[in-house]
Amino acid sequence: MTLLSFAYLGALLASMGGVALLDRRWRLALWHDPRRTLAAVAASTLVLLVWDLVAISIDLFRLGESAGMTGIELAPHLPIEEPVFLVFLSYLAIVAWRGAMRVLAARRPRTGPAS
């Protein structure tokens, strides 16, 4: 293994760190409601991982070769990077959704008593 073989995993972790910093700054997900966020990330990651395993079992998904991946497999054709990606995808989706809802709420005209 070379340093390049950790490029994809490192990029995923760095990206997740960036999303966590945004989340922390605006308290969108994990810093707003840790229990619900962790439960949602775990549940969606599990569903997507089962989906991947089904796709692998019916030969729909096969592991390709890449110099940027570690080569570590948790199961045949399931690289270690896959569950990390699924956690990142789930967390990113929650942070993006909560951020979008906050922006839309801030743009909504406020109704109040007429002056």
PDB file of N, CA and C in Angstrom:
ATOM      1  N   MET A   1       0.841  -1.181   0.000  1.00  0.00           N
ATOM      2  CA  MET A   1       0.000   0.000   0.000  1.00  0.00           C
ATOM      3  C   MET A   1       0.889   1.248   0.000  1.00  0.00           C
ATOM      4  N   THR A   2       0.439   2.205  -0.780  1.00  0.00           N
ATOM      5  CA  THR A   2       1.155   3.467  -0.835  1.00  0.00           C
ATOM      6  C   THR A   2       0.258   4.563  -0.277  1.00  0.00           C
ATOM      7  N   LEU A   3       0.809   5.746  -0.179  1.00  0.00           N
ATOM      8  CA  LEU A   3       0.029   6.878   0.291  1.00  0.00           C
ATOM      9  C   LEU A   3      -1.128   7.164  -0.660  1.00  0.00           C
ATOM     10  N   LEU A   4      -0.893   6.972  -1.960  1.00  0.00           N
ATOM     11  CA  LEU A   4      -1.944   7.189  -2.959  1.00  0.00           C
ATOM     12  C   LEU A   4      -3.124   6.249  -2.738  1.00  0.00           C
ATOM     13  N   SER A   5      -2.880   5.065  -2.208  1.00  0.00           N
ATOM     14  CA  SER A   5      -3.958   4.103  -2.022  1.00  0.00           C
ATOM     15  C   SER A   5      -4.960   4.545  -0.946  1.00  0.00           C
ATOM     16  N   PHE A   6      -4.626   5.580  -0.211  1.00  0.00           N
ATOM     17  CA  PHE A   6      -5.554   6.119   0.783  1.00  0.00           C
ATOM     18  C   PHE A   6      -6.184   7.433   0.314  1.00  0.00           C
ATOM     19  N   ALA A   7      -5.994   7.780  -0.959  1.00  0.00           N
ATOM     20  CA  ALA A   7      -6.481   9.064  -1.481  1.00  0.00           C
ATOM     21  C   ALA A   7      -8.004   9.191  -1.380  1.00  0.00           C
ATOM     22  N   TYR A   8      -8.725   8.191  -1.834  1.00  0.00           N
ATOM     23  CA  TYR A   8     -10.185   8.262  -1.833  1.00  0.00           C
ATOM     24  C   TYR A   8     -10.726   8.277  -0.402  1.00  0.00           C
ATOM     25  N   LEU A   9     -10.228   7.377   0.433  1.00  0.00           N
ATOM     26  CA  LEU A   9     -10.661   7.320   1.828  1.00  0.00           C
ATOM     27  C   LEU A   9     -10.332   8.640   2.525  1.00  0.00           C
ATOM     28  N   GLY A  10      -9.156   9.167   2.274  1.00  0.00           N
ATOM     29  CA  GLY A  10      -8.767  10.448   2.865  1.00  0.00           C
ATOM     30  C   GLY A  10      -9.656  11.581   2.390  1.00  0.00           C
ATOM     31  N   ALA A  11      -9.995  11.583   1.105  1.00  0.00           N
ATOM     32  CA  ALA A  11     -10.878  12.627   0.556  1.00  0.00           C
ATOM     33  C   ALA A  11     -12.270  12.538   1.188  1.00  0.00           C
ATOM     34  N   LEU A  12     -12.760  11.322   1.390  1.00  0.00           N
ATOM     35  CA  LEU A  12     -14.067  11.152   2.038  1.00  0.00           C
ATOM     36  C   LEU A  12     -14.042  11.682   3.466  1.00  0.00           C
ATOM     37  N   LEU A  13     -12.995  11.328   4.209  1.00  0.00           N
ATOM     38  CA  LEU A  13     -12.905  11.766   5.596  1.00  0.00           C
ATOM     39  C   LEU A  13     -12.715  13.276   5.700  1.00  0.00           C
ATOM     40  N   ALA A  14     -11.903  13.842   4.807  1.00  0.00           N
ATOM     41  CA  ALA A  14     -11.701  15.296   4.802  1.00  0.00           C
ATOM     42  C   ALA A  14     -13.002  16.016   4.447  1.00  0.00           C
ATOM     43  N   SER A  15     -13.730  15.487   3.483  1.00  0.00           N
ATOM     44  CA  SER A  15     -15.009  16.084   3.097  1.00  0.00           C
ATOM     45  C   SER A  15     -16.019  15.998   4.238  1.00  0.00           C
ATOM     46  N   MET A  16     -16.032  14.866   4.917  1.00  0.00           N
ATOM     47  CA  MET A  16     -16.929  14.706   6.052  1.00  0.00           C
ATOM     48  C   MET A  16     -16.560  15.698   7.154  1.00  0.00           C
ATOM     49  N   GLY A  17     -15.277  15.919   7.340  1.00  0.00           N
ATOM     50  CA  GLY A  17     -14.831  16.910   8.317  1.00  0.00           C
ATOM     51  C   GLY A  17     -15.298  18.307   7.951  1.00  0.00           C
ATOM     52  N   GLY A  18     -15.235  18.645   6.666  1.00  0.00           N
ATOM     53  CA  GLY A  18     -15.716  19.944   6.212  1.00  0.00           C
ATOM     54  C   GLY A  18     -17.202  20.127   6.445  1.00  0.00           C
ATOM     55  N   VAL A  19     -17.972  19.090   6.167  1.00  0.00           N
ATOM     56  CA  VAL A  19     -19.422  19.145   6.398  1.00  0.00           C
ATOM     57  C   VAL A  19     -19.687  19.276   7.902  1.00  0.00           C
ATOM     58  N   ALA A  20     -18.916  18.577   8.713  1.00  0.00           N
ATOM     59  CA  ALA A  20     -19.081  18.665  10.172  1.00  0.00           C
ATOM     60  C   ALA A  20     -18.783  20.080  10.678  1.00  0.00           C
ATOM     61  N   LEU A  21     -17.791  20.733  10.089  1.00  0.00           N
ATOM     62  CA  LEU A  21     -17.491  22.115  10.479  1.00  0.00           C
ATOM     63  C   LEU A  21     -18.656  23.045  10.133  1.00  0.00           C
ATOM     64  N   LEU A  22     -19.244  22.869   8.950  1.00  0.00           N
ATOM     65  CA  LEU A  22     -20.417  23.667   8.584  1.00  0.00           C
ATOM     66  C   LEU A  22     -21.589  23.375   9.529  1.00  0.00           C
ATOM     67  N   ASP A  23     -21.760  22.102   9.829  1.00  0.00           N
ATOM     68  CA  ASP A  23     -22.825  21.684  10.735  1.00  0.00           C
ATOM     69  C   ASP A  23     -22.613  22.318  12.107  1.00  0.00           C
ATOM     70  N   ARG A  24     -21.404  22.286  12.590  1.00  0.00           N
ATOM     71  CA  ARG A  24     -21.108  22.851  13.910  1.00  0.00           C
ATOM     72  C   ARG A  24     -21.350  24.354  13.927  1.00  0.00           C
ATOM     73  N   ARG A  25     -20.914  25.025  12.870  1.00  0.00           N
ATOM     74  CA  ARG A  25     -21.044  26.487  12.795  1.00  0.00           C
ATOM     75  C   ARG A  25     -22.510  26.919  12.855  1.00  0.00           C
ATOM     76  N   TRP A  26     -23.373  26.235  12.109  1.00  0.00           N
ATOM     77  CA  TRP A  26     -24.779  26.629  12.044  1.00  0.00           C
ATOM     78  C   TRP A  26     -25.705  25.684  12.801  1.00  0.00           C
ATOM     79  N   ARG A  27     -25.147  24.730  13.506  1.00  0.00           N
ATOM     80  CA  ARG A  27     -25.938  23.777  14.299  1.00  0.00           C
ATOM     81  C   ARG A  27     -27.133  23.236  13.512  1.00  0.00           C
ATOM     82  N   LEU A  28     -26.802  22.575  12.406  1.00  0.00           N
ATOM     83  CA  LEU A  28     -27.833  22.093  11.496  1.00  0.00           C
ATOM     84  C   LEU A  28     -28.316  20.682  11.817  1.00  0.00           C
ATOM     85  N   ALA A  29     -27.421  19.802  12.187  1.00  0.00           N
ATOM     86  CA  ALA A  29     -27.810  18.394  12.350  1.00  0.00           C
ATOM     87  C   ALA A  29     -27.223  17.825  13.642  1.00  0.00           C
ATOM     88  N   LEU A  30     -25.994  17.359  13.570  1.00  0.00           N
ATOM     89  CA  LEU A  30     -25.366  16.705  14.720  1.00  0.00           C
ATOM     90  C   LEU A  30     -25.268  17.639  15.924  1.00  0.00           C
ATOM     91  N   TRP A  31     -24.984  18.896  15.700  1.00  0.00           N
ATOM     92  CA  TRP A  31     -24.881  19.847  16.809  1.00  0.00           C
ATOM     93  C   TRP A  31     -26.246  20.425  17.185  1.00  0.00           C
ATOM     94  N   HIS A  32     -27.252  20.115  16.422  1.00  0.00           N
ATOM     95  CA  HIS A  32     -28.618  20.550  16.748  1.00  0.00           C
ATOM     96  C   HIS A  32     -29.341  19.461  17.541  1.00  0.00           C
ATOM     97  N   ASP A  33     -29.273  18.234  17.043  1.00  0.00           N
ATOM     98  CA  ASP A  33     -29.957  17.103  17.683  1.00  0.00           C
ATOM     99  C   ASP A  33     -29.139  15.832  17.416  1.00  0.00           C
ATOM    100  N   PRO A  34     -28.116  15.586  18.246  1.00  0.00           N
ATOM    101  CA  PRO A  34     -27.201  14.461  17.987  1.00  0.00           C
ATOM    102  C   PRO A  34     -27.877  13.097  17.902  1.00  0.00           C
ATOM    103  N   ARG A  35     -28.810  12.829  18.793  1.00  0.00           N
ATOM    104  CA  ARG A  35     -29.445  11.502  18.822  1.00  0.00           C
ATOM    105  C   ARG A  35     -30.206  11.227  17.523  1.00  0.00           C
ATOM    106  N   ARG A  36     -31.021  12.182  17.091  1.00  0.00           N
ATOM    107  CA  ARG A  36     -31.795  11.989  15.859  1.00  0.00           C
ATOM    108  C   ARG A  36     -30.887  11.924  14.637  1.00  0.00           C
ATOM    109  N   THR A  37     -29.859  12.753  14.614  1.00  0.00           N
ATOM    110  CA  THR A  37     -28.947  12.754  13.469  1.00  0.00           C
ATOM    111  C   THR A  37     -28.223  11.421  13.363  1.00  0.00           C
ATOM    112  N   LEU A  38     -27.678  10.945  14.474  1.00  0.00           N
ATOM    113  CA  LEU A  38     -26.961   9.663  14.447  1.00  0.00           C
ATOM    114  C   LEU A  38     -27.897   8.510  14.076  1.00  0.00           C
ATOM    115  N   ALA A  39     -29.122   8.552  14.568  1.00  0.00           N
ATOM    116  CA  ALA A  39     -30.090   7.498  14.226  1.00  0.00           C
ATOM    117  C   ALA A  39     -30.425   7.539  12.736  1.00  0.00           C
ATOM    118  N   ALA A  40     -30.617   8.739  12.193  1.00  0.00           N
ATOM    119  CA  ALA A  40     -30.950   8.875  10.766  1.00  0.00           C
ATOM    120  C   ALA A  40     -29.780   8.449   9.889  1.00  0.00           C
ATOM    121  N   VAL A  41     -28.571   8.847  10.258  1.00  0.00           N
ATOM    122  CA  VAL A  41     -27.382   8.452   9.487  1.00  0.00           C
ATOM    123  C   VAL A  41     -27.203   6.939   9.549  1.00  0.00           C
ATOM    124  N   ALA A  42     -27.350   6.359  10.728  1.00  0.00           N
ATOM    125  CA  ALA A  42     -27.191   4.904  10.869  1.00  0.00           C
ATOM    126  C   ALA A  42     -28.243   4.153  10.059  1.00  0.00           C
ATOM    127  N   ALA A  43     -29.495   4.585  10.149  1.00  0.00           N
ATOM    128  CA  ALA A  43     -30.575   3.895   9.431  1.00  0.00           C
ATOM    129  C   ALA A  43     -30.392   3.995   7.924  1.00  0.00           C
ATOM    130  N   SER A  44     -30.111   5.188   7.422  1.00  0.00           N
ATOM    131  CA  SER A  44     -29.958   5.334   5.973  1.00  0.00           C
ATOM    132  C   SER A  44     -28.704   4.620   5.471  1.00  0.00           C
ATOM    133  N   THR A  45     -27.635   4.649   6.261  1.00  0.00           N
ATOM    134  CA  THR A  45     -26.422   3.917   5.874  1.00  0.00           C
ATOM    135  C   THR A  45     -26.701   2.423   5.810  1.00  0.00           C
ATOM    136  N   LEU A  46     -27.433   1.906   6.779  1.00  0.00           N
ATOM    137  CA  LEU A  46     -27.774   0.477   6.795  1.00  0.00           C
ATOM    138  C   LEU A  46     -28.602   0.098   5.575  1.00  0.00           C
ATOM    139  N   VAL A  47     -29.602   0.901   5.246  1.00  0.00           N
ATOM    140  CA  VAL A  47     -30.440   0.617   4.073  1.00  0.00           C
ATOM    141  C   VAL A  47     -29.584   0.610   2.803  1.00  0.00           C
ATOM    142  N   LEU A  48     -28.738   1.611   2.645  1.00  0.00           N
ATOM    143  CA  LEU A  48     -27.888   1.685   1.447  1.00  0.00           C
ATOM    144  C   LEU A  48     -26.861   0.562   1.400  1.00  0.00           C
ATOM    145  N   LEU A  49     -26.352   0.166   2.561  1.00  0.00           N
ATOM    146  CA  LEU A  49     -25.394  -0.943   2.604  1.00  0.00           C
ATOM    147  C   LEU A  49     -26.060  -2.263   2.230  1.00  0.00           C
ATOM    148  N   VAL A  50     -27.281  -2.476   2.709  1.00  0.00           N
ATOM    149  CA  VAL A  50     -28.027  -3.680   2.320  1.00  0.00           C
ATOM    150  C   VAL A  50     -28.279  -3.659   0.814  1.00  0.00           C
ATOM    151  N   TRP A  51     -28.625  -2.492   0.287  1.00  0.00           N
ATOM    152  CA  TRP A  51     -28.842  -2.330  -1.155  1.00  0.00           C
ATOM    153  C   TRP A  51     -27.572  -2.731  -1.906  1.00  0.00           C
ATOM    154  N   ASP A  52     -26.421  -2.251  -1.445  1.00  0.00           N
ATOM    155  CA  ASP A  52     -25.144  -2.620  -2.068  1.00  0.00           C
ATOM    156  C   ASP A  52     -24.903  -4.124  -2.002  1.00  0.00           C
ATOM    157  N   LEU A  53     -25.168  -4.727  -0.857  1.00  0.00           N
ATOM    158  CA  LEU A  53     -24.933  -6.167  -0.696  1.00  0.00           C
ATOM    159  C   LEU A  53     -25.836  -6.989  -1.614  1.00  0.00           C
ATOM    160  N   VAL A  54     -27.070  -6.538  -1.780  1.00  0.00           N
ATOM    161  CA  VAL A  54     -27.975  -7.219  -2.712  1.00  0.00           C
ATOM    162  C   VAL A  54     -27.431  -7.083  -4.132  1.00  0.00           C
ATOM    163  N   ALA A  55     -27.002  -5.886  -4.508  1.00  0.00           N
ATOM    164  CA  ALA A  55     -26.444  -5.667  -5.847  1.00  0.00           C
ATOM    165  C   ALA A  55     -25.201  -6.522  -6.072  1.00  0.00           C
ATOM    166  N   ILE A  56     -24.375  -6.667  -5.055  1.00  0.00           N
ATOM    167  CA  ILE A  56     -23.189  -7.523  -5.161  1.00  0.00           C
ATOM    168  C   ILE A  56     -23.606  -8.978  -5.330  1.00  0.00           C
ATOM    169  N   SER A  57     -24.607  -9.402  -4.563  1.00  0.00           N
ATOM    170  CA  SER A  57     -25.014 -10.811  -4.599  1.00  0.00           C
ATOM    171  C   SER A  57     -25.620 -11.221  -5.943  1.00  0.00           C
ATOM    172  N   ILE A  58     -26.197 -10.277  -6.679  1.00  0.00           N
ATOM    173  CA  ILE A  58     -26.765 -10.618  -7.992  1.00  0.00           C
ATOM    174  C   ILE A  58     -25.843 -10.184  -9.134  1.00  0.00           C
ATOM    175  N   ASP A  59     -24.589  -9.940  -8.785  1.00  0.00           N
ATOM    176  CA  ASP A  59     -23.546  -9.593  -9.769  1.00  0.00           C
ATOM    177  C   ASP A  59     -23.820  -8.288 -10.511  1.00  0.00           C
ATOM    178  N   LEU A  60     -24.530  -7.385  -9.884  1.00  0.00           N
ATOM    179  CA  LEU A  60     -24.805  -6.091 -10.486  1.00  0.00           C
ATOM    180  C   LEU A  60     -23.682  -5.097 -10.186  1.00  0.00           C
ATOM    181  N   PHE A  61     -22.967  -5.356  -9.099  1.00  0.00           N
ATOM    182  CA  PHE A  61     -21.916  -4.466  -8.642  1.00  0.00           C
ATOM    183  C   PHE A  61     -20.657  -5.277  -8.425  1.00  0.00           C
ATOM    184  N   ARG A  62     -19.568  -4.837  -9.014  1.00  0.00           N
ATOM    185  CA  ARG A  62     -18.270  -5.499  -8.835  1.00  0.00           C
ATOM    186  C   ARG A  62     -17.230  -4.455  -8.509  1.00  0.00           C
ATOM    187  N   LEU A  63     -16.273  -4.852  -7.718  1.00  0.00           N
ATOM    188  CA  LEU A  63     -15.196  -3.952  -7.331  1.00  0.00           C
ATOM    189  C   LEU A  63     -14.235  -3.749  -8.498  1.00  0.00           C
ATOM    190  N   GLY A  64     -14.025  -2.501  -8.851  1.00  0.00           N
ATOM    191  CA  GLY A  64     -13.051  -2.175  -9.883  1.00  0.00           C
ATOM    192  C   GLY A  64     -11.698  -1.913  -9.245  1.00  0.00           C
ATOM    193  N   GLU A  65     -10.728  -1.691 -10.078  1.00  0.00           N
ATOM    194  CA  GLU A  65      -9.391  -1.411  -9.565  1.00  0.00           C
ATOM    195  C   GLU A  65      -9.122   0.074  -9.649  1.00  0.00           C
ATOM    196  N   SER A  66      -8.509   0.603  -8.613  1.00  0.00           N
ATOM    197  CA  SER A  66      -8.153   2.013  -8.573  1.00  0.00           C
ATOM    198  C   SER A  66      -6.931   2.179  -7.690  1.00  0.00           C
ATOM    199  N   ALA A  67      -5.994   2.966  -8.166  1.00  0.00           N
ATOM    200  CA  ALA A  67      -4.797   3.239  -7.372  1.00  0.00           C
ATOM    201  C   ALA A  67      -5.138   4.101  -6.160  1.00  0.00           C
ATOM    202  N   GLY A  68      -6.290   4.780  -6.190  1.00  0.00           N
ATOM    203  CA  GLY A  68      -6.673   5.664  -5.105  1.00  0.00           C
ATOM    204  C   GLY A  68      -7.418   4.986  -3.977  1.00  0.00           C
ATOM    205  N   MET A  69      -7.610   3.668  -4.066  1.00  0.00           N
ATOM    206  CA  MET A  69      -8.340   2.943  -3.026  1.00  0.00           C
ATOM    207  C   MET A  69      -7.390   2.021  -2.276  1.00  0.00           C
ATOM    208  N   THR A  70      -7.734   1.733  -1.030  1.00  0.00           N
ATOM    209  CA  THR A  70      -6.858   0.940  -0.167  1.00  0.00           C
ATOM    210  C   THR A  70      -6.719  -0.509  -0.615  1.00  0.00           C
ATOM    211  N   GLY A  71      -7.754  -1.043  -1.230  1.00  0.00           N
ATOM    212  CA  GLY A  71      -7.738  -2.459  -1.588  1.00  0.00           C
ATOM    213  C   GLY A  71      -8.252  -3.345  -0.468  1.00  0.00           C
ATOM    214  N   ILE A  72      -8.610  -2.747   0.664  1.00  0.00           N
ATOM    215  CA  ILE A  72      -9.154  -3.500   1.799  1.00  0.00           C
ATOM    216  C   ILE A  72     -10.636  -3.752   1.533  1.00  0.00           C
ATOM    217  N   GLU A  73     -11.030  -5.010   1.604  1.00  0.00           N
ATOM    218  CA  GLU A  73     -12.427  -5.383   1.373  1.00  0.00           C
ATOM    219  C   GLU A  73     -13.036  -5.914   2.663  1.00  0.00           C
ATOM    220  N   LEU A  74     -14.211  -5.427   3.006  1.00  0.00           N
ATOM    221  CA  LEU A  74     -14.935  -5.929   4.175  1.00  0.00           C
ATOM    222  C   LEU A  74     -15.639  -7.236   3.844  1.00  0.00           C
ATOM    223  N   ALA A  75     -15.978  -7.391   2.588  1.00  0.00           N
ATOM    224  CA  ALA A  75     -16.590  -8.599   2.038  1.00  0.00           C
ATOM    225  C   ALA A  75     -16.201  -8.588   0.561  1.00  0.00           C
ATOM    226  N   PRO A  76     -16.383  -9.701  -0.146  1.00  0.00           N
ATOM    227  CA  PRO A  76     -16.045  -9.670  -1.568  1.00  0.00           C
ATOM    228  C   PRO A  76     -16.763  -8.540  -2.304  1.00  0.00           C
ATOM    229  N   HIS A  77     -16.002  -7.722  -2.999  1.00  0.00           N
ATOM    230  CA  HIS A  77     -16.494  -6.588  -3.791  1.00  0.00           C
ATOM    231  C   HIS A  77     -17.072  -5.450  -2.939  1.00  0.00           C
ATOM    232  N   LEU A  78     -16.790  -5.448  -1.648  1.00  0.00           N
ATOM    233  CA  LEU A  78     -17.240  -4.366  -0.767  1.00  0.00           C
ATOM    234  C   LEU A  78     -16.012  -3.715  -0.123  1.00  0.00           C
ATOM    235  N   PRO A  79     -15.507  -2.659  -0.756  1.00  0.00           N
ATOM    236  CA  PRO A  79     -14.313  -2.004  -0.208  1.00  0.00           C
ATOM    237  C   PRO A  79     -14.636  -1.241   1.071  1.00  0.00           C
ATOM    238  N   ILE A  80     -13.645  -1.042   1.888  1.00  0.00           N
ATOM    239  CA  ILE A  80     -13.818  -0.322   3.150  1.00  0.00           C
ATOM    240  C   ILE A  80     -14.312   1.105   2.910  1.00  0.00           C
ATOM    241  N   GLU A  81     -14.022   1.638   1.743  1.00  0.00           N
ATOM    242  CA  GLU A  81     -14.442   3.001   1.426  1.00  0.00           C
ATOM    243  C   GLU A  81     -15.958   3.126   1.267  1.00  0.00           C
ATOM    244  N   GLU A  82     -16.630   2.026   0.919  1.00  0.00           N
ATOM    245  CA  GLU A  82     -18.076   2.093   0.651  1.00  0.00           C
ATOM    246  C   GLU A  82     -18.899   2.505   1.868  1.00  0.00           C
ATOM    247  N   PRO A  83     -18.757   1.842   3.028  1.00  0.00           N
ATOM    248  CA  PRO A  83     -19.553   2.301   4.175  1.00  0.00           C
ATOM    249  C   PRO A  83     -19.178   3.724   4.613  1.00  0.00           C
ATOM    250  N   VAL A  84     -17.911   4.100   4.462  1.00  0.00           N
ATOM    251  CA  VAL A  84     -17.507   5.472   4.798  1.00  0.00           C
ATOM    252  C   VAL A  84     -18.225   6.439   3.857  1.00  0.00           C
ATOM    253  N   PHE A  85     -18.277   6.108   2.568  1.00  0.00           N
ATOM    254  CA  PHE A  85     -18.991   6.946   1.608  1.00  0.00           C
ATOM    255  C   PHE A  85     -20.476   7.041   1.955  1.00  0.00           C
ATOM    256  N   LEU A  86     -21.076   5.931   2.347  1.00  0.00           N
ATOM    257  CA  LEU A  86     -22.505   5.920   2.665  1.00  0.00           C
ATOM    258  C   LEU A  86     -22.811   6.762   3.902  1.00  0.00           C
ATOM    259  N   VAL A  87     -21.935   6.707   4.911  1.00  0.00           N
ATOM    260  CA  VAL A  87     -22.091   7.562   6.091  1.00  0.00           C
ATOM    261  C   VAL A  87     -21.976   9.022   5.667  1.00  0.00           C
ATOM    262  N   PHE A  88     -20.969   9.338   4.851  1.00  0.00           N
ATOM    263  CA  PHE A  88     -20.780  10.708   4.364  1.00  0.00           C
ATOM    264  C   PHE A  88     -22.003  11.178   3.581  1.00  0.00           C
ATOM    265  N   LEU A  89     -22.488  10.353   2.668  1.00  0.00           N
ATOM    266  CA  LEU A  89     -23.649  10.710   1.854  1.00  0.00           C
ATOM    267  C   LEU A  89     -24.874  10.984   2.718  1.00  0.00           C
ATOM    268  N   SER A  90     -25.109  10.139   3.696  1.00  0.00           N
ATOM    269  CA  SER A  90     -26.267  10.301   4.580  1.00  0.00           C
ATOM    270  C   SER A  90     -26.148  11.573   5.417  1.00  0.00           C
ATOM    271  N   TYR A  91     -24.981  11.805   5.981  1.00  0.00           N
ATOM    272  CA  TYR A  91     -24.754  12.994   6.814  1.00  0.00           C
ATOM    273  C   TYR A  91     -24.855  14.255   5.960  1.00  0.00           C
ATOM    274  N   LEU A  92     -24.237  14.246   4.788  1.00  0.00           N
ATOM    275  CA  LEU A  92     -24.291  15.395   3.882  1.00  0.00           C
ATOM    276  C   LEU A  92     -25.735  15.718   3.502  1.00  0.00           C
ATOM    277  N   ALA A  93     -26.521  14.695   3.218  1.00  0.00           N
ATOM    278  CA  ALA A  93     -27.920  14.912   2.835  1.00  0.00           C
ATOM    279  C   ALA A  93     -28.708  15.585   3.959  1.00  0.00           C
ATOM    280  N   ILE A  94     -28.490  15.151   5.191  1.00  0.00           N
ATOM    281  CA  ILE A  94     -29.200  15.747   6.325  1.00  0.00           C
ATOM    282  C   ILE A  94     -28.771  17.195   6.529  1.00  0.00           C
ATOM    283  N   VAL A  95     -27.476  17.448   6.482  1.00  0.00           N
ATOM    284  CA  VAL A  95     -26.966  18.813   6.663  1.00  0.00           C
ATOM    285  C   VAL A  95     -27.472  19.721   5.539  1.00  0.00           C
ATOM    286  N   ALA A  96     -27.439  19.239   4.309  1.00  0.00           N
ATOM    287  CA  ALA A  96     -27.907  20.048   3.176  1.00  0.00           C
ATOM    288  C   ALA A  96     -29.400  20.324   3.286  1.00  0.00           C
ATOM    289  N   TRP A  97     -30.172  19.326   3.663  1.00  0.00           N
ATOM    290  CA  TRP A  97     -31.616  19.506   3.804  1.00  0.00           C
ATOM    291  C   TRP A  97     -31.934  20.517   4.904  1.00  0.00           C
ATOM    292  N   ARG A  98     -31.293  20.355   6.064  1.00  0.00           N
ATOM    293  CA  ARG A  98     -31.547  21.287   7.174  1.00  0.00           C
ATOM    294  C   ARG A  98     -31.087  22.700   6.812  1.00  0.00           C
ATOM    295  N   GLY A  99     -29.973  22.811   6.103  1.00  0.00           N
ATOM    296  CA  GLY A  99     -29.501  24.120   5.672  1.00  0.00           C
ATOM    297  C   GLY A  99     -30.469  24.772   4.697  1.00  0.00           C
ATOM    298  N   ALA A 100     -30.967  23.994   3.755  1.00  0.00           N
ATOM    299  CA  ALA A 100     -31.927  24.516   2.785  1.00  0.00           C
ATOM    300  C   ALA A 100     -33.211  24.950   3.481  1.00  0.00           C
ATOM    301  N   MET A 101     -33.678  24.174   4.427  1.00  0.00           N
ATOM    302  CA  MET A 101     -34.897  24.542   5.161  1.00  0.00           C
ATOM    303  C   MET A 101     -34.687  25.847   5.933  1.00  0.00           C
ATOM    304  N   ARG A 102     -33.507  26.011   6.500  1.00  0.00           N
ATOM    305  CA  ARG A 102     -33.224  27.244   7.240  1.00  0.00           C
ATOM    306  C   ARG A 102     -33.181  28.450   6.301  1.00  0.00           C
ATOM    307  N   VAL A 103     -32.555  28.292   5.142  1.00  0.00           N
ATOM    308  CA  VAL A 103     -32.489  29.389   4.166  1.00  0.00           C
ATOM    309  C   VAL A 103     -33.890  29.742   3.688  1.00  0.00           C
ATOM    310  N   LEU A 104     -34.689  28.738   3.361  1.00  0.00           N
ATOM    311  CA  LEU A 104     -36.057  29.000   2.900  1.00  0.00           C
ATOM    312  C   LEU A 104     -36.893  29.668   3.986  1.00  0.00           C
ATOM    313  N   ALA A 105     -36.725  29.256   5.207  1.00  0.00           N
ATOM    314  CA  ALA A 105     -37.477  29.864   6.313  1.00  0.00           C
ATOM    315  C   ALA A 105     -37.074  31.325   6.500  1.00  0.00           C
ATOM    316  N   ALA A 106     -35.801  31.630   6.327  1.00  0.00           N
ATOM    317  CA  ALA A 106     -35.321  33.003   6.481  1.00  0.00           C
ATOM    318  C   ALA A 106     -35.815  33.896   5.347  1.00  0.00           C
ATOM    319  N   ARG A 107     -36.061  33.330   4.186  1.00  0.00           N
ATOM    320  CA  ARG A 107     -36.511  34.106   3.024  1.00  0.00           C
ATOM    321  C   ARG A 107     -38.018  34.304   3.000  1.00  0.00           C
ATOM    322  N   ARG A 108     -38.728  33.530   3.790  1.00  0.00           N
ATOM    323  CA  ARG A 108     -40.184  33.610   3.834  1.00  0.00           C
ATOM    324  C   ARG A 108     -40.600  34.963   4.416  1.00  0.00           C
ATOM    325  N   PRO A 109     -41.533  35.637   3.774  1.00  0.00           N
ATOM    326  CA  PRO A 109     -41.970  36.930   4.323  1.00  0.00           C
ATOM    327  C   PRO A 109     -42.621  36.750   5.686  1.00  0.00           C
ATOM    328  N   ARG A 110     -42.283  37.615   6.556  1.00  0.00           N
ATOM    329  CA  ARG A 110     -42.857  37.557   7.907  1.00  0.00           C
ATOM    330  C   ARG A 110     -44.200  38.273   7.907  1.00  0.00           C
ATOM    331  N   THR A 111     -45.163  37.626   8.509  1.00  0.00           N
ATOM    332  CA  THR A 111     -46.468  38.257   8.613  1.00  0.00           C
ATOM    333  C   THR A 111     -46.611  38.759  10.034  1.00  0.00           C
ATOM    334  N   GLY A 112     -47.082  39.931  10.142  1.00  0.00           N
ATOM    335  CA  GLY A 112     -47.248  40.519  11.473  1.00  0.00           C
ATOM    336  C   GLY A 112     -48.309  41.586  11.410  1.00  0.00           C
ATOM    337  N   PRO A 113     -48.525  42.248  12.517  1.00  0.00           N
ATOM    338  CA  PRO A 113     -49.549  43.297  12.533  1.00  0.00           C
ATOM    339  C   PRO A 113     -49.158  44.449  11.610  1.00  0.00           C
ATOM    340  N   ALA A 114     -50.157  45.004  10.941  1.00  0.00           N
ATOM    341  CA  ALA A 114     -49.918  46.135  10.030  1.00  0.00           C
ATOM    342  C   ALA A 114     -49.588  47.370  10.857  1.00  0.00           C
ATOM    343  N   SER A 115     -48.658  48.178  10.362  1.00  0.00           N
ATOM    344  CA  SER A 115     -48.290  49.372  11.124  1.00  0.00           C
ATOM    345  C   SER A 115     -49.081  50.565  10.733  1.00  0.00           C
TER     346      SER A 115
END
